[in-house]
Amino acid sequence: MCRFIRYIVLYILVSCLVGWLLCNIDPDKTYTWYSGIWHGMFFISNFIRSWFTDALYKAESYTATYNVFWWIFTGLSVFSFFFGDDARRRSL
């Protein structure tokens, strides 16, 4: 169990670092559909960062297609965060 918790903590720290480096959301910029995909993929890391810093997990100014793609990829990233590793464990 302790090994599992270390894995989760390490995963969260690395993903927050990658989210900060690659997907920092600027509150003064208007984002389009492509950014919705990108921000949705990094939802979990940006959401965790928003607890401890002033980071945003969703843009404040965006287009309608941004919103659609953000919801799709946010759902996929949350699903894969909770259930993604299960398929690899079953194949071992």
C-alpha atoms as a PDB file:
ATOM      1  CA  MET A   1       0.000   0.000   0.000  1.00  0.00           C
ATOM      2  CA  CYS A   2       2.823   2.396   0.835  1.00  0.00           C
ATOM      3  CA  ARG A   3       4.388   1.772  -2.578  1.00  0.00           C
ATOM      4  CA  PHE A   4       1.078   2.604  -4.252  1.00  0.00           C
ATOM      5  CA  ILE A   5       0.799   5.887  -2.350  1.00  0.00           C
ATOM      6  CA  ARG A   6       4.371   6.824  -3.291  1.00  0.00           C
ATOM      7  CA  TYR A   7       3.534   6.092  -6.932  1.00  0.00           C
ATOM      8  CA  ILE A   8       0.448   8.323  -6.811  1.00  0.00           C
ATOM      9  CA  VAL A   9       2.316  11.180  -5.094  1.00  0.00           C
ATOM     10  CA  LEU A  10       5.194  10.956  -7.566  1.00  0.00           C
ATOM     11  CA  TYR A  11       2.758  10.868 -10.490  1.00  0.00           C
ATOM     12  CA  ILE A  12       0.927  13.948  -9.204  1.00  0.00           C
ATOM     13  CA  LEU A  13       4.149  15.902  -8.596  1.00  0.00           C
ATOM     14  CA  VAL A  14       5.565  15.084 -12.034  1.00  0.00           C
ATOM     15  CA  SER A  15       2.284  15.862 -13.791  1.00  0.00           C
ATOM     16  CA  CYS A  16       2.011  19.191 -11.937  1.00  0.00           C
ATOM     17  CA  LEU A  17       5.533  20.082 -13.030  1.00  0.00           C
ATOM     18  CA  VAL A  18       4.785  19.135 -16.637  1.00  0.00           C
ATOM     19  CA  GLY A  19       1.481  21.029 -16.471  1.00  0.00           C
ATOM     20  CA  TRP A  20       3.277  24.102 -15.206  1.00  0.00           C
ATOM     21  CA  LEU A  21       5.940  23.883 -17.917  1.00  0.00           C
ATOM     22  CA  LEU A  22       3.694  23.052 -20.887  1.00  0.00           C
ATOM     23  CA  CYS A  23       0.198  24.218 -20.039  1.00  0.00           C
ATOM     24  CA  ASN A  24       0.144  27.307 -17.879  1.00  0.00           C
ATOM     25  CA  ILE A  25      -3.128  29.174 -18.542  1.00  0.00           C
ATOM     26  CA  ASP A  26      -2.955  32.938 -18.991  1.00  0.00           C
ATOM     27  CA  PRO A  27      -6.080  34.663 -17.577  1.00  0.00           C
ATOM     28  CA  ASP A  28      -5.816  37.554 -20.064  1.00  0.00           C
ATOM     29  CA  LYS A  29      -5.792  35.416 -23.219  1.00  0.00           C
ATOM     30  CA  THR A  30      -8.769  34.091 -25.209  1.00  0.00           C
ATOM     31  CA  TYR A  31      -8.335  30.412 -26.035  1.00  0.00           C
ATOM     32  CA  THR A  32      -9.671  28.400 -28.992  1.00  0.00           C
ATOM     33  CA  TRP A  33     -10.577  24.745 -29.599  1.00  0.00           C
ATOM     34  CA  TYR A  34      -6.991  23.496 -29.776  1.00  0.00           C
ATOM     35  CA  SER A  35      -6.253  24.939 -26.356  1.00  0.00           C
ATOM     36  CA  GLY A  36      -9.399  23.237 -25.043  1.00  0.00           C
ATOM     37  CA  ILE A  37      -7.854  19.889 -25.948  1.00  0.00           C
ATOM     38  CA  TRP A  38      -4.565  20.815 -24.325  1.00  0.00           C
ATOM     39  CA  HIS A  39      -6.115  22.251 -21.157  1.00  0.00           C
ATOM     40  CA  GLY A  40      -8.446  19.258 -20.831  1.00  0.00           C
ATOM     41  CA  MET A  41      -5.528  16.832 -21.043  1.00  0.00           C
ATOM     42  CA  PHE A  42      -3.772  18.688 -18.216  1.00  0.00           C
ATOM     43  CA  PHE A  43      -6.919  19.198 -16.129  1.00  0.00           C
ATOM     44  CA  ILE A  44      -5.858  17.099 -13.141  1.00  0.00           C
ATOM     45  CA  SER A  45      -2.429  18.668 -12.789  1.00  0.00           C
ATOM     46  CA  ASN A  46      -3.788  22.205 -13.210  1.00  0.00           C
ATOM     47  CA  PHE A  47      -6.661  21.471 -10.814  1.00  0.00           C
ATOM     48  CA  ILE A  48      -4.233  20.296  -8.130  1.00  0.00           C
ATOM     49  CA  ARG A  49      -1.992  23.299  -8.799  1.00  0.00           C
ATOM     50  CA  SER A  50      -5.016  25.588  -8.356  1.00  0.00           C
ATOM     51  CA  TRP A  51      -5.373  24.380  -4.745  1.00  0.00           C
ATOM     52  CA  PHE A  52      -1.909  25.624  -3.801  1.00  0.00           C
ATOM     53  CA  THR A  53      -1.239  28.487  -6.231  1.00  0.00           C
ATOM     54  CA  ASP A  54      -3.211  30.927  -8.348  1.00  0.00           C
ATOM     55  CA  ALA A  55      -3.050  28.596 -11.390  1.00  0.00           C
ATOM     56  CA  LEU A  56      -6.175  28.179 -13.497  1.00  0.00           C
ATOM     57  CA  TYR A  57      -7.544  24.802 -14.561  1.00  0.00           C
ATOM     58  CA  LYS A  58      -9.878  26.324 -17.177  1.00  0.00           C
ATOM     59  CA  ALA A  59      -9.437  29.504 -19.160  1.00  0.00           C
ATOM     60  CA  GLU A  60     -11.531  32.495 -18.159  1.00  0.00           C
ATOM     61  CA  SER A  61     -11.962  33.699 -21.745  1.00  0.00           C
ATOM     62  CA  TYR A  62     -12.660  31.046 -24.374  1.00  0.00           C
ATOM     63  CA  THR A  63     -14.692  30.139 -27.444  1.00  0.00           C
ATOM     64  CA  ALA A  64     -17.646  27.730 -27.553  1.00  0.00           C
ATOM     65  CA  THR A  65     -15.549  25.030 -29.207  1.00  0.00           C
ATOM     66  CA  TYR A  66     -12.929  25.421 -26.486  1.00  0.00           C
ATOM     67  CA  ASN A  67     -15.616  24.580 -23.958  1.00  0.00           C
ATOM     68  CA  VAL A  68     -16.745  21.481 -25.892  1.00  0.00           C
ATOM     69  CA  PHE A  69     -13.226  20.094 -26.312  1.00  0.00           C
ATOM     70  CA  TRP A  70     -12.287  21.020 -22.740  1.00  0.00           C
ATOM     71  CA  TRP A  71     -15.174  18.959 -21.359  1.00  0.00           C
ATOM     72  CA  ILE A  72     -14.407  15.981 -23.631  1.00  0.00           C
ATOM     73  CA  PHE A  73     -10.708  15.848 -22.795  1.00  0.00           C
ATOM     74  CA  THR A  74     -11.258  16.640 -19.126  1.00  0.00           C
ATOM     75  CA  GLY A  75     -13.569  13.645 -18.907  1.00  0.00           C
ATOM     76  CA  LEU A  76     -11.027  11.451 -20.698  1.00  0.00           C
ATOM     77  CA  SER A  77      -8.161  12.591 -18.476  1.00  0.00           C
ATOM     78  CA  VAL A  78     -10.129  12.014 -15.266  1.00  0.00           C
ATOM     79  CA  PHE A  79     -11.248   8.582 -16.493  1.00  0.00           C
ATOM     80  CA  SER A  80      -7.708   7.600 -17.462  1.00  0.00           C
ATOM     81  CA  PHE A  81      -6.326   8.911 -14.147  1.00  0.00           C
ATOM     82  CA  PHE A  82      -8.601   6.613 -12.176  1.00  0.00           C
ATOM     83  CA  PHE A  83      -8.892   3.619 -14.521  1.00  0.00           C
ATOM     84  CA  GLY A  84      -6.017   3.856 -17.019  1.00  0.00           C
ATOM     85  CA  ASP A  85      -3.439   1.749 -15.212  1.00  0.00           C
ATOM     86  CA  ASP A  86      -5.893  -1.087 -14.603  1.00  0.00           C
ATOM     87  CA  ALA A  87      -5.554  -2.466 -18.141  1.00  0.00           C
ATOM     88  CA  ARG A  88      -1.759  -2.725 -17.783  1.00  0.00           C
ATOM     89  CA  ARG A  89      -2.069  -4.571 -14.480  1.00  0.00           C
ATOM     90  CA  ARG A  90      -4.488  -7.096 -15.967  1.00  0.00           C
ATOM     91  CA  SER A  91      -2.122  -7.960 -18.811  1.00  0.00           C
ATOM     92  CA  LEU A  92       0.749  -8.839 -16.447  1.00  0.00           C
END
